[in-house]
Amino acid sequence: MRPVLALSIALLACAARPAAPEPSPWPALANDAEIDAALPRLTNWGRWGPADRRGTLNLIVPEAVRAAAALVREGRSVSLAREVSAAHTPGIREPLYEMRRDGPASRDRVGAVWHGFAQTHLDALCHIGAGDRQLYNGVSADAVRPDGCAELGVEVLAQGGITGRGVLLDVAAVRGRALEPGEAVRIVDLEAAEARQQVRVREGDLLAVRTGAGPRNDRDRRAGLHPEVLAWVKARGVAVLLGDGDSDVAPFPALERHASPFHSVAIPHLGLPLVDNAELDVLATTCERLGRWEFLLVIAPWRLQGTTSAPVNPLAIF
């Protein structure tokens, strides 16, 4: 065989061979051991000093808030809170309303356990510890007392409220359907949403991720973020994470100690506040209509001293 012909055949064979996929730049984080090994890279302990109690809210700088305010052009606001009624809201077991009438006046008593899968709430940094003995930034777990959290309570996050550039990544739109409870959002989904929407998540953003599963989520089956996304939100500098569930995917059989990694890692190690059970469907419709997925986002939790969470009514303002 002539050398030129042999070389041509070899080149054609190489061209026909499928290229090997490029290795992912992100750690797999698919089991407890991989998550444990990644914790030194995921932690924000000491990043803002030993006395820090605000976590990733430190990433929201005044310049970013001013830039976010400039996104208000239409003068329209959208609530990201679910409407709650004790009469027909799944997942609420405790009595919510007690109504009283006294002559012409009426008054009521409202009480609830905010954690769970029904009500829109903000998790404080004392909600979950890094193991049994420490909370975010090395605070002793003894700070959690019967009368409330002596440190890292929700009042720390409520002081001044949370205001910044909100970004919606609509994974349900990328997939062409709502995710089913139990399905995981991968990094490739988030970056596909960025490409589709021509937006990029950057440091200090308040990120909302829509799966479309929303109220169909429950304790045993829920759509959420694959644990690999922990490294992505750290690298992008997300300041607050909002989900239409609790951001964790379940079931995830390979996880035991970190069965809910966006709670067991993001809160105590990253110092990342989570907003659970946000209503994101109307927001998605508004973003599609306006052709933009960035907006001013205002989150004002109740100033409840020493509590592990507070109800919120986040407002996206366009």
C-alpha atoms as a PDB file:
ATOM      1  CA  MET A   1       0.000   0.000   0.000  1.00  0.00           C
ATOM      2  CA  ARG A   2       1.293   3.422  -0.877  1.00  0.00           C
ATOM      3  CA  PRO A   3       2.334   5.556   2.136  1.00  0.00           C
ATOM      4  CA  VAL A   4       0.006   8.412   1.136  1.00  0.00           C
ATOM      5  CA  LEU A   5      -2.996   6.072   0.846  1.00  0.00           C
ATOM      6  CA  ALA A   6      -2.207   4.449   4.200  1.00  0.00           C
ATOM      7  CA  LEU A   7      -1.953   7.857   5.856  1.00  0.00           C
ATOM      8  CA  SER A   8      -5.292   8.918   4.356  1.00  0.00           C
ATOM      9  CA  ILE A   9      -7.020   5.790   5.634  1.00  0.00           C
ATOM     10  CA  ALA A  10      -5.553   6.327   9.109  1.00  0.00           C
ATOM     11  CA  LEU A  11      -6.736   9.949   9.188  1.00  0.00           C
ATOM     12  CA  LEU A  12     -10.245   8.934   8.095  1.00  0.00           C
ATOM     13  CA  ALA A  13     -10.362   6.292  10.832  1.00  0.00           C
ATOM     14  CA  CYS A  14      -9.362   8.878  13.430  1.00  0.00           C
ATOM     15  CA  ALA A  15     -11.971  11.319  12.144  1.00  0.00           C
ATOM     16  CA  ALA A  16     -14.706   8.683  12.335  1.00  0.00           C
ATOM     17  CA  ARG A  17     -13.869   7.795  15.924  1.00  0.00           C
ATOM     18  CA  PRO A  18     -16.088   9.763  18.350  1.00  0.00           C
ATOM     19  CA  ALA A  19     -14.195  12.270  20.445  1.00  0.00           C
ATOM     20  CA  ALA A  20     -13.853  11.451  24.119  1.00  0.00           C
ATOM     21  CA  PRO A  21     -16.011  13.731  26.282  1.00  0.00           C
ATOM     22  CA  GLU A  22     -14.126  16.483  28.027  1.00  0.00           C
ATOM     23  CA  PRO A  23     -13.761  15.909  31.762  1.00  0.00           C
ATOM     24  CA  SER A  24     -16.042  18.027  33.914  1.00  0.00           C
ATOM     25  CA  PRO A  25     -14.294  20.885  35.726  1.00  0.00           C
ATOM     26  CA  TRP A  26     -16.660  20.338  38.667  1.00  0.00           C
ATOM     27  CA  PRO A  27     -16.308  17.717  41.418  1.00  0.00           C
ATOM     28  CA  ALA A  28     -18.859  14.909  41.143  1.00  0.00           C
ATOM     29  CA  LEU A  29     -20.232  15.213  44.715  1.00  0.00           C
ATOM     30  CA  ALA A  30     -22.360  12.132  44.105  1.00  0.00           C
ATOM     31  CA  ASN A  31     -21.935  10.485  47.525  1.00  0.00           C
ATOM     32  CA  ASP A  32     -21.123  11.316  51.136  1.00  0.00           C
ATOM     33  CA  ALA A  33     -17.394  10.636  50.764  1.00  0.00           C
ATOM     34  CA  GLU A  34     -17.048  12.956  47.765  1.00  0.00           C
ATOM     35  CA  ILE A  35     -18.939  15.713  49.559  1.00  0.00           C
ATOM     36  CA  ASP A  36     -16.810  15.305  52.698  1.00  0.00           C
ATOM     37  CA  ALA A  37     -13.637  15.485  50.600  1.00  0.00           C
ATOM     38  CA  ALA A  38     -14.836  18.699  48.944  1.00  0.00           C
ATOM     39  CA  LEU A  39     -15.783  20.531  52.155  1.00  0.00           C
ATOM     40  CA  PRO A  40     -12.427  22.350  52.509  1.00  0.00           C
ATOM     41  CA  ARG A  41     -13.047  23.901  49.072  1.00  0.00           C
ATOM     42  CA  LEU A  42     -16.709  24.624  49.753  1.00  0.00           C
ATOM     43  CA  THR A  43     -16.366  26.330  53.126  1.00  0.00           C
ATOM     44  CA  ASN A  44     -16.583  30.068  53.691  1.00  0.00           C
ATOM     45  CA  TRP A  45     -15.488  29.830  57.329  1.00  0.00           C
ATOM     46  CA  GLY A  46     -13.110  32.673  58.110  1.00  0.00           C
ATOM     47  CA  ARG A  47     -13.560  34.308  54.701  1.00  0.00           C
ATOM     48  CA  TRP A  48     -15.089  37.435  56.250  1.00  0.00           C
ATOM     49  CA  GLY A  49     -13.368  37.128  59.609  1.00  0.00           C
ATOM     50  CA  PRO A  50     -13.985  34.979  62.710  1.00  0.00           C
ATOM     51  CA  ALA A  51     -16.877  37.142  63.924  1.00  0.00           C
ATOM     52  CA  ASP A  52     -18.885  36.973  60.688  1.00  0.00           C
ATOM     53  CA  ARG A  53     -22.532  35.971  61.084  1.00  0.00           C
ATOM     54  CA  ARG A  54     -23.926  37.098  57.687  1.00  0.00           C
ATOM     55  CA  GLY A  55     -22.391  34.481  55.425  1.00  0.00           C
ATOM     56  CA  THR A  56     -22.841  35.031  51.707  1.00  0.00           C
ATOM     57  CA  LEU A  57     -24.885  38.194  52.278  1.00  0.00           C
ATOM     58  CA  ASN A  58     -21.435  39.798  52.469  1.00  0.00           C
ATOM     59  CA  LEU A  59     -21.262  39.339  48.689  1.00  0.00           C
ATOM     60  CA  ILE A  60     -24.072  41.876  48.168  1.00  0.00           C
ATOM     61  CA  VAL A  61     -22.154  45.149  47.965  1.00  0.00           C
ATOM     62  CA  PRO A  62     -23.746  48.635  47.698  1.00  0.00           C
ATOM     63  CA  GLU A  63     -22.682  49.004  44.062  1.00  0.00           C
ATOM     64  CA  ALA A  64     -24.568  45.813  43.188  1.00  0.00           C
ATOM     65  CA  VAL A  65     -27.715  47.040  44.952  1.00  0.00           C
ATOM     66  CA  ARG A  66     -27.611  50.337  43.050  1.00  0.00           C
ATOM     67  CA  ALA A  67     -27.191  48.453  39.776  1.00  0.00           C
ATOM     68  CA  ALA A  68     -30.115  46.181  40.691  1.00  0.00           C
ATOM     69  CA  ALA A  69     -32.313  49.202  41.405  1.00  0.00           C
ATOM     70  CA  ALA A  70     -31.646  50.396  37.852  1.00  0.00           C
ATOM     71  CA  LEU A  71     -33.397  47.240  36.588  1.00  0.00           C
ATOM     72  CA  VAL A  72     -36.757  48.695  37.661  1.00  0.00           C
ATOM     73  CA  ARG A  73     -38.196  49.997  34.383  1.00  0.00           C
ATOM     74  CA  GLU A  74     -41.769  48.726  34.038  1.00  0.00           C
ATOM     75  CA  GLY A  75     -42.887  49.528  37.580  1.00  0.00           C
ATOM     76  CA  ARG A  76     -44.348  46.054  38.086  1.00  0.00           C
ATOM     77  CA  SER A  77     -43.800  43.735  41.060  1.00  0.00           C
ATOM     78  CA  VAL A  78     -44.339  39.976  41.305  1.00  0.00           C
ATOM     79  CA  SER A  79     -44.728  38.101  44.583  1.00  0.00           C
ATOM     80  CA  LEU A  80     -42.646  34.940  44.959  1.00  0.00           C
ATOM     81  CA  ALA A  81     -44.574  33.714  48.015  1.00  0.00           C
ATOM     82  CA  ARG A  82     -47.113  30.919  48.012  1.00  0.00           C
ATOM     83  CA  GLU A  83     -50.560  31.771  49.249  1.00  0.00           C
ATOM     84  CA  VAL A  84     -51.227  29.801  52.415  1.00  0.00           C
ATOM     85  CA  SER A  85     -54.599  28.745  53.748  1.00  0.00           C
ATOM     86  CA  ALA A  86     -55.041  26.371  56.662  1.00  0.00           C
ATOM     87  CA  ALA A  87     -58.130  24.986  54.955  1.00  0.00           C
ATOM     88  CA  HIS A  88     -56.444  23.620  51.811  1.00  0.00           C
ATOM     89  CA  THR A  89     -52.666  23.884  52.016  1.00  0.00           C
ATOM     90  CA  PRO A  90     -51.006  20.432  51.985  1.00  0.00           C
ATOM     91  CA  GLY A  91     -48.248  19.874  54.499  1.00  0.00           C
ATOM     92  CA  ILE A  92     -49.613  22.101  57.258  1.00  0.00           C
ATOM     93  CA  ARG A  93     -50.489  19.939  60.252  1.00  0.00           C
ATOM     94  CA  GLU A  94     -50.575  22.543  62.998  1.00  0.00           C
ATOM     95  CA  PRO A  95     -53.542  24.896  63.447  1.00  0.00           C
ATOM     96  CA  LEU A  96     -52.762  28.030  61.476  1.00  0.00           C
ATOM     97  CA  TYR A  97     -55.618  30.444  62.133  1.00  0.00           C
ATOM     98  CA  GLU A  98     -57.706  31.217  65.169  1.00  0.00           C
ATOM     99  CA  MET A  99     -60.386  33.802  64.388  1.00  0.00           C
ATOM    100  CA  ARG A 100     -62.266  35.821  67.020  1.00  0.00           C
ATOM    101  CA  ARG A 101     -65.034  38.370  66.760  1.00  0.00           C
ATOM    102  CA  ASP A 102     -65.700  40.970  69.400  1.00  0.00           C
ATOM    103  CA  GLY A 103     -68.719  43.019  68.407  1.00  0.00           C
ATOM    104  CA  PRO A 104     -67.964  44.840  65.153  1.00  0.00           C
ATOM    105  CA  ALA A 105     -64.226  44.031  65.303  1.00  0.00           C
ATOM    106  CA  SER A 106     -62.447  40.840  64.285  1.00  0.00           C
ATOM    107  CA  ARG A 107     -58.998  39.616  65.155  1.00  0.00           C
ATOM    108  CA  ASP A 108     -57.016  36.482  64.552  1.00  0.00           C
ATOM    109  CA  ARG A 109     -54.091  34.522  65.862  1.00  0.00           C
ATOM    110  CA  VAL A 110     -51.695  33.062  63.292  1.00  0.00           C
ATOM    111  CA  GLY A 111     -49.126  30.412  64.109  1.00  0.00           C
ATOM    112  CA  ALA A 112     -47.198  27.834  62.111  1.00  0.00           C
ATOM    113  CA  VAL A 113     -44.039  25.783  61.814  1.00  0.00           C
ATOM    114  CA  TRP A 114     -42.402  27.491  58.855  1.00  0.00           C
ATOM    115  CA  HIS A 115     -40.054  24.675  57.907  1.00  0.00           C
ATOM    116  CA  GLY A 116     -41.404  22.021  55.566  1.00  0.00           C
ATOM    117  CA  PHE A 117     -42.763  22.011  52.046  1.00  0.00           C
ATOM    118  CA  ALA A 118     -45.781  24.309  52.198  1.00  0.00           C
ATOM    119  CA  GLN A 119     -44.853  27.845  53.200  1.00  0.00           C
ATOM    120  CA  THR A 120     -42.354  30.243  51.651  1.00  0.00           C
ATOM    121  CA  HIS A 121     -39.677  30.880  54.256  1.00  0.00           C
ATOM    122  CA  LEU A 122     -36.050  31.887  54.748  1.00  0.00           C
ATOM    123  CA  ASP A 123     -33.742  29.480  56.564  1.00  0.00           C
ATOM    124  CA  ALA A 124     -31.452  31.131  59.097  1.00  0.00           C
ATOM    125  CA  LEU A 125     -27.821  30.070  59.427  1.00  0.00           C
ATOM    126  CA  CYS A 126     -28.568  28.434  62.792  1.00  0.00           C
ATOM    127  CA  HIS A 127     -31.049  26.041  61.156  1.00  0.00           C
ATOM    128  CA  ILE A 128     -28.536  23.286  60.324  1.00  0.00           C
ATOM    129  CA  GLY A 129     -25.145  22.537  61.851  1.00  0.00           C
ATOM    130  CA  ALA A 130     -21.903  21.181  60.419  1.00  0.00           C
ATOM    131  CA  GLY A 131     -22.180  17.937  62.339  1.00  0.00           C
ATOM    132  CA  ASP A 132     -23.397  17.958  65.921  1.00  0.00           C
ATOM    133  CA  ARG A 133     -21.089  20.532  67.490  1.00  0.00           C
ATOM    134  CA  GLN A 134     -20.682  23.521  65.173  1.00  0.00           C
ATOM    135  CA  LEU A 135     -22.771  25.948  63.171  1.00  0.00           C
ATOM    136  CA  TYR A 136     -21.626  28.326  60.425  1.00  0.00           C
ATOM    137  CA  ASN A 137     -18.160  29.853  60.893  1.00  0.00           C
ATOM    138  CA  GLY A 138     -17.381  27.633  63.864  1.00  0.00           C
ATOM    139  CA  VAL A 139     -20.141  28.912  66.161  1.00  0.00           C
ATOM    140  CA  SER A 140     -20.818  26.351  68.881  1.00  0.00           C
ATOM    141  CA  ALA A 141     -24.011  24.356  68.480  1.00  0.00           C
ATOM    142  CA  ASP A 142     -24.674  25.219  72.137  1.00  0.00           C
ATOM    143  CA  ALA A 143     -25.905  28.559  70.766  1.00  0.00           C
ATOM    144  CA  VAL A 144     -29.134  26.720  69.865  1.00  0.00           C
ATOM    145  CA  ARG A 145     -31.095  26.821  73.118  1.00  0.00           C
ATOM    146  CA  PRO A 146     -34.653  26.057  74.186  1.00  0.00           C
ATOM    147  CA  ASP A 147     -35.411  29.784  74.183  1.00  0.00           C
ATOM    148  CA  GLY A 148     -33.941  30.365  70.713  1.00  0.00           C
ATOM    149  CA  CYS A 149     -30.639  30.707  68.886  1.00  0.00           C
ATOM    150  CA  ALA A 150     -28.201  32.947  70.757  1.00  0.00           C
ATOM    151  CA  GLU A 151     -26.281  33.420  67.495  1.00  0.00           C
ATOM    152  CA  LEU A 152     -27.069  33.189  63.773  1.00  0.00           C
ATOM    153  CA  GLY A 153     -30.819  33.627  64.298  1.00  0.00           C
ATOM    154  CA  VAL A 154     -32.931  34.905  61.442  1.00  0.00           C
ATOM    155  CA  GLU A 155     -32.814  38.442  62.858  1.00  0.00           C
ATOM    156  CA  VAL A 156     -29.214  38.672  61.588  1.00  0.00           C
ATOM    157  CA  LEU A 157     -30.465  38.217  58.018  1.00  0.00           C
ATOM    158  CA  ALA A 158     -33.526  40.393  58.601  1.00  0.00           C
ATOM    159  CA  GLN A 159     -31.584  43.442  59.740  1.00  0.00           C
ATOM    160  CA  GLY A 160     -31.732  45.717  56.718  1.00  0.00           C
ATOM    161  CA  GLY A 161     -33.504  43.051  54.695  1.00  0.00           C
ATOM    162  CA  ILE A 162     -32.008  41.456  51.585  1.00  0.00           C
ATOM    163  CA  THR A 163     -31.953  43.478  48.370  1.00  0.00           C
ATOM    164  CA  GLY A 164     -30.044  42.771  45.183  1.00  0.00           C
ATOM    165  CA  ARG A 165     -30.051  41.551  41.613  1.00  0.00           C
ATOM    166  CA  GLY A 166     -32.430  38.643  41.244  1.00  0.00           C
ATOM    167  CA  VAL A 167     -31.919  36.109  38.465  1.00  0.00           C
ATOM    168  CA  LEU A 168     -34.333  33.354  37.460  1.00  0.00           C
ATOM    169  CA  LEU A 169     -32.935  30.255  35.772  1.00  0.00           C
ATOM    170  CA  ASP A 170     -35.929  28.424  34.316  1.00  0.00           C
ATOM    171  CA  VAL A 171     -34.815  24.801  34.084  1.00  0.00           C
ATOM    172  CA  ALA A 172     -38.361  23.652  33.354  1.00  0.00           C
ATOM    173  CA  ALA A 173     -38.325  25.794  30.200  1.00  0.00           C
ATOM    174  CA  VAL A 174     -34.950  24.359  29.164  1.00  0.00           C
ATOM    175  CA  ARG A 175     -36.239  20.802  29.620  1.00  0.00           C
ATOM    176  CA  GLY A 176     -39.478  21.652  27.832  1.00  0.00           C
ATOM    177  CA  ARG A 177     -41.554  20.417  30.775  1.00  0.00           C
ATOM    178  CA  ALA A 178     -41.852  20.626  34.528  1.00  0.00           C
ATOM    179  CA  LEU A 179     -39.522  18.278  36.355  1.00  0.00           C
ATOM    180  CA  GLU A 180     -41.066  15.403  38.259  1.00  0.00           C
ATOM    181  CA  PRO A 181     -40.448  15.085  41.999  1.00  0.00           C
ATOM    182  CA  GLY A 182     -37.252  13.074  42.320  1.00  0.00           C
ATOM    183  CA  GLU A 183     -35.523  14.587  39.266  1.00  0.00           C
ATOM    184  CA  ALA A 184     -32.243  16.452  39.723  1.00  0.00           C
ATOM    185  CA  VAL A 185     -31.088  19.723  38.184  1.00  0.00           C
ATOM    186  CA  ARG A 186     -27.499  19.443  36.945  1.00  0.00           C
ATOM    187  CA  ILE A 187     -24.919  22.141  36.263  1.00  0.00           C
ATOM    188  CA  VAL A 188     -25.451  21.601  32.540  1.00  0.00           C
ATOM    189  CA  ASP A 189     -29.138  22.529  33.020  1.00  0.00           C
ATOM    190  CA  LEU A 190     -28.267  25.781  34.777  1.00  0.00           C
ATOM    191  CA  GLU A 191     -25.762  26.767  32.113  1.00  0.00           C
ATOM    192  CA  ALA A 192     -28.226  25.832  29.367  1.00  0.00           C
ATOM    193  CA  ALA A 193     -30.758  28.156  31.021  1.00  0.00           C
ATOM    194  CA  GLU A 194     -28.155  30.925  31.083  1.00  0.00           C
ATOM    195  CA  ALA A 195     -27.510  30.420  27.367  1.00  0.00           C
ATOM    196  CA  ARG A 196     -31.210  30.316  26.484  1.00  0.00           C
ATOM    197  CA  GLN A 197     -31.969  33.431  28.514  1.00  0.00           C
ATOM    198  CA  GLN A 198     -28.747  35.290  27.651  1.00  0.00           C
ATOM    199  CA  VAL A 199     -28.015  35.982  31.298  1.00  0.00           C
ATOM    200  CA  ARG A 200     -25.136  34.998  33.555  1.00  0.00           C
ATOM    201  CA  VAL A 201     -25.226  34.467  37.305  1.00  0.00           C
ATOM    202  CA  ARG A 202     -22.547  36.567  38.982  1.00  0.00           C
ATOM    203  CA  GLU A 203     -21.234  37.331  42.443  1.00  0.00           C
ATOM    204  CA  GLY A 204     -23.804  38.724  44.853  1.00  0.00           C
ATOM    205  CA  ASP A 205     -26.853  37.544  42.894  1.00  0.00           C
ATOM    206  CA  LEU A 206     -30.050  36.244  44.466  1.00  0.00           C
ATOM    207  CA  LEU A 207     -30.624  33.130  42.352  1.00  0.00           C
ATOM    208  CA  ALA A 208     -34.028  31.502  41.818  1.00  0.00           C
ATOM    209  CA  VAL A 209     -34.119  28.071  40.145  1.00  0.00           C
ATOM    210  CA  ARG A 210     -37.449  26.902  38.737  1.00  0.00           C
ATOM    211  CA  THR A 211     -38.074  23.166  38.369  1.00  0.00           C
ATOM    212  CA  GLY A 212     -41.834  23.459  37.882  1.00  0.00           C
ATOM    213  CA  ALA A 213     -42.461  20.748  40.488  1.00  0.00           C
ATOM    214  CA  GLY A 214     -43.480  23.264  43.158  1.00  0.00           C
ATOM    215  CA  PRO A 215     -46.279  22.066  45.440  1.00  0.00           C
ATOM    216  CA  ARG A 216     -45.989  18.496  44.115  1.00  0.00           C
ATOM    217  CA  ASN A 217     -42.795  18.106  46.163  1.00  0.00           C
ATOM    218  CA  ASP A 218     -42.975  16.409  49.538  1.00  0.00           C
ATOM    219  CA  ARG A 219     -40.606  14.967  52.109  1.00  0.00           C
ATOM    220  CA  ASP A 220     -39.980  11.711  50.235  1.00  0.00           C
ATOM    221  CA  ARG A 221     -39.960  12.858  46.605  1.00  0.00           C
ATOM    222  CA  ARG A 222     -38.925  16.289  45.411  1.00  0.00           C
ATOM    223  CA  ALA A 223     -37.191  17.881  42.457  1.00  0.00           C
ATOM    224  CA  GLY A 224     -34.097  19.861  43.329  1.00  0.00           C
ATOM    225  CA  LEU A 225     -30.448  20.526  42.709  1.00  0.00           C
ATOM    226  CA  HIS A 226     -27.902  17.757  42.256  1.00  0.00           C
ATOM    227  CA  PRO A 227     -25.174  18.021  44.925  1.00  0.00           C
ATOM    228  CA  GLU A 228     -22.631  18.945  42.222  1.00  0.00           C
ATOM    229  CA  VAL A 229     -24.334  22.351  42.040  1.00  0.00           C
ATOM    230  CA  LEU A 230     -22.859  23.211  45.456  1.00  0.00           C
ATOM    231  CA  ALA A 231     -19.481  23.850  43.819  1.00  0.00           C
ATOM    232  CA  TRP A 232     -21.128  25.910  41.070  1.00  0.00           C
ATOM    233  CA  VAL A 233     -22.976  28.267  43.421  1.00  0.00           C
ATOM    234  CA  LYS A 234     -19.760  28.726  45.427  1.00  0.00           C
ATOM    235  CA  ALA A 235     -17.778  29.535  42.279  1.00  0.00           C
ATOM    236  CA  ARG A 236     -20.412  31.945  40.950  1.00  0.00           C
ATOM    237  CA  GLY A 237     -20.758  33.718  44.304  1.00  0.00           C
ATOM    238  CA  VAL A 238     -24.504  33.230  44.783  1.00  0.00           C
ATOM    239  CA  ALA A 239     -25.637  35.247  47.816  1.00  0.00           C
ATOM    240  CA  VAL A 240     -29.119  33.738  48.345  1.00  0.00           C
ATOM    241  CA  LEU A 241     -30.662  30.648  46.739  1.00  0.00           C
ATOM    242  CA  LEU A 242     -34.405  30.378  46.128  1.00  0.00           C
ATOM    243  CA  GLY A 243     -36.130  27.168  45.033  1.00  0.00           C
ATOM    244  CA  ASP A 244     -39.696  26.176  44.220  1.00  0.00           C
ATOM    245  CA  GLY A 245     -39.038  23.281  46.609  1.00  0.00           C
ATOM    246  CA  ASP A 246     -36.378  23.181  49.308  1.00  0.00           C
ATOM    247  CA  SER A 247     -33.537  23.076  46.706  1.00  0.00           C
ATOM    248  CA  ASP A 248     -32.662  19.459  47.612  1.00  0.00           C
ATOM    249  CA  VAL A 249     -33.513  16.473  45.411  1.00  0.00           C
ATOM    250  CA  ALA A 250     -34.979  13.321  46.944  1.00  0.00           C
ATOM    251  CA  PRO A 251     -34.573  10.439  46.923  1.00  0.00           C
ATOM    252  CA  PHE A 252     -30.794  10.343  46.404  1.00  0.00           C
ATOM    253  CA  PRO A 253     -29.828   6.823  47.564  1.00  0.00           C
ATOM    254  CA  ALA A 254     -26.047   7.427  47.576  1.00  0.00           C
ATOM    255  CA  LEU A 255     -26.403  10.065  50.303  1.00  0.00           C
ATOM    256  CA  GLU A 256     -26.978   9.373  53.988  1.00  0.00           C
ATOM    257  CA  ARG A 257     -25.139  11.918  56.151  1.00  0.00           C
ATOM    258  CA  HIS A 258     -25.725  14.536  53.466  1.00  0.00           C
ATOM    259  CA  ALA A 259     -29.204  13.414  52.450  1.00  0.00           C
ATOM    260  CA  SER A 260     -30.152  17.093  52.046  1.00  0.00           C
ATOM    261  CA  PRO A 261     -26.830  18.650  50.989  1.00  0.00           C
ATOM    262  CA  PHE A 262     -28.186  22.103  50.240  1.00  0.00           C
ATOM    263  CA  HIS A 263     -29.100  22.215  53.900  1.00  0.00           C
ATOM    264  CA  SER A 264     -26.254  20.212  55.463  1.00  0.00           C
ATOM    265  CA  VAL A 265     -23.536  21.909  53.361  1.00  0.00           C
ATOM    266  CA  ALA A 266     -24.816  25.190  51.917  1.00  0.00           C
ATOM    267  CA  ILE A 267     -26.125  26.572  55.216  1.00  0.00           C
ATOM    268  CA  PRO A 268     -23.379  25.644  57.727  1.00  0.00           C
ATOM    269  CA  HIS A 269     -20.346  25.555  55.406  1.00  0.00           C
ATOM    270  CA  LEU A 270     -21.084  28.144  52.729  1.00  0.00           C
ATOM    271  CA  GLY A 271     -23.183  30.359  54.987  1.00  0.00           C
ATOM    272  CA  LEU A 272     -25.732  30.485  52.150  1.00  0.00           C
ATOM    273  CA  PRO A 273     -29.292  31.485  53.176  1.00  0.00           C
ATOM    274  CA  LEU A 274     -32.023  29.469  51.451  1.00  0.00           C
ATOM    275  CA  VAL A 275     -35.549  30.521  50.555  1.00  0.00           C
ATOM    276  CA  ASP A 276     -37.689  27.379  50.369  1.00  0.00           C
ATOM    277  CA  ASN A 277     -41.008  26.912  48.556  1.00  0.00           C
ATOM    278  CA  ALA A 278     -40.887  30.069  46.454  1.00  0.00           C
ATOM    279  CA  GLU A 279     -43.671  30.578  43.911  1.00  0.00           C
ATOM    280  CA  LEU A 280     -41.797  30.917  40.621  1.00  0.00           C
ATOM    281  CA  ASP A 281     -44.414  30.170  37.934  1.00  0.00           C
ATOM    282  CA  VAL A 282     -45.797  33.709  37.655  1.00  0.00           C
ATOM    283  CA  LEU A 283     -42.248  35.046  37.748  1.00  0.00           C
ATOM    284  CA  ALA A 284     -41.305  32.778  34.825  1.00  0.00           C
ATOM    285  CA  THR A 285     -44.300  33.958  32.805  1.00  0.00           C
ATOM    286  CA  THR A 286     -43.405  37.587  33.505  1.00  0.00           C
ATOM    287  CA  CYS A 287     -39.768  37.059  32.525  1.00  0.00           C
ATOM    288  CA  GLU A 288     -40.791  35.373  29.258  1.00  0.00           C
ATOM    289  CA  ARG A 289     -43.175  38.202  28.418  1.00  0.00           C
ATOM    290  CA  LEU A 290     -40.607  40.910  29.131  1.00  0.00           C
ATOM    291  CA  GLY A 291     -37.727  38.982  27.593  1.00  0.00           C
ATOM    292  CA  ARG A 292     -35.450  39.419  30.597  1.00  0.00           C
ATOM    293  CA  TRP A 293     -34.596  37.258  33.567  1.00  0.00           C
ATOM    294  CA  GLU A 294     -32.926  39.794  35.859  1.00  0.00           C
ATOM    295  CA  PHE A 295     -34.765  42.134  38.207  1.00  0.00           C
ATOM    296  CA  LEU A 296     -34.565  43.883  41.549  1.00  0.00           C
ATOM    297  CA  LEU A 297     -35.364  41.331  44.250  1.00  0.00           C
ATOM    298  CA  VAL A 298     -36.363  42.350  47.778  1.00  0.00           C
ATOM    299  CA  ILE A 299     -36.628  39.760  50.568  1.00  0.00           C
ATOM    300  CA  ALA A 300     -37.859  41.064  53.920  1.00  0.00           C
ATOM    301  CA  PRO A 301     -38.028  38.349  56.597  1.00  0.00           C
ATOM    302  CA  TRP A 302     -39.782  38.974  59.876  1.00  0.00           C
ATOM    303  CA  ARG A 303     -37.362  40.135  62.578  1.00  0.00           C
ATOM    304  CA  LEU A 304     -37.917  37.165  64.869  1.00  0.00           C
ATOM    305  CA  GLN A 305     -35.151  37.037  67.443  1.00  0.00           C
ATOM    306  CA  GLY A 306     -33.391  33.695  67.736  1.00  0.00           C
ATOM    307  CA  THR A 307     -35.551  31.706  65.318  1.00  0.00           C
ATOM    308  CA  THR A 308     -34.305  29.237  62.714  1.00  0.00           C
ATOM    309  CA  SER A 309     -36.547  30.627  59.971  1.00  0.00           C
ATOM    310  CA  ALA A 310     -39.024  33.336  59.104  1.00  0.00           C
ATOM    311  CA  PRO A 311     -41.838  33.694  56.576  1.00  0.00           C
ATOM    312  CA  VAL A 312     -41.029  35.878  53.589  1.00  0.00           C
ATOM    313  CA  ASN A 313     -42.848  37.457  50.670  1.00  0.00           C
ATOM    314  CA  PRO A 314     -40.028  38.042  48.165  1.00  0.00           C
ATOM    315  CA  LEU A 315     -40.844  40.717  45.581  1.00  0.00           C
ATOM    316  CA  ALA A 316     -39.347  40.739  42.096  1.00  0.00           C
ATOM    317  CA  ILE A 317     -39.601  44.288  40.768  1.00  0.00           C
ATOM    318  CA  PHE A 318     -39.294  45.002  37.040  1.00  0.00           C
END
